[in-house]
Amino acid sequence: MRYLSLVSVVSVLILAGGGCTQNIAERAVNKVIENKIESETGHDADVDINDGSIKFTDESGATGEFGGNVKLGSDFPSDVPMPDGINIMGVASSPEATWVTYTSNQSVTELGAWYEVKLLADGFTKQGYFSTGASSSWAFKKGGVGISIVATDTDDTDVTQVMVTRSED
């Protein structure tokens, strides 16, 4: 749960710092993010800002990349389906879980239905669904693997923000 909070905090810091490319500003942002990661996790962290993205690693094995030019790595879990046409905002992993955040032009309802079809076809069972206001969440499980999806409509009616979490028991 600590890493989920950390993923959220780093995402906000990146969005707030938006296109800072000056060396002094980058070093200051690096230090702020490193300090936040270290205070949240209790582990030393290294942060690198490059080409509009921020990468971090810490001594516990947690890694992440947020901002521009983020891609899913070859080690991203193959049992987590990802829809076409998305804009990946961040990917993080720890020894306990993997997270990806992205935006999509599909609605919350469309994305939820898409995930249901894909995950049920892959042998997952639906564990729960919850909706409030502009946000909905789904939980699926197969064996010791859990996948949860939280999708939120933004003020821009054409964009949905999504966070997918994969964890193992």
Foldseek 3Di string as FASTA:
>chain_A
DLVVVLVVVVLVLLVVCDPDDDPVVQVVSQVVNQVVVCVSPVWGKGWDDDPQKIWMATPQGKIKIFGPPDDDDPPPDPLDDDDPPWAWGMWMDGPFKIKTKIKHQDAPVVVVVVVVVSNVVVVWDWDDWDDDDQKIKTWIDDQFKIKMKIWGQDPPNRMIMMMIMIGGD
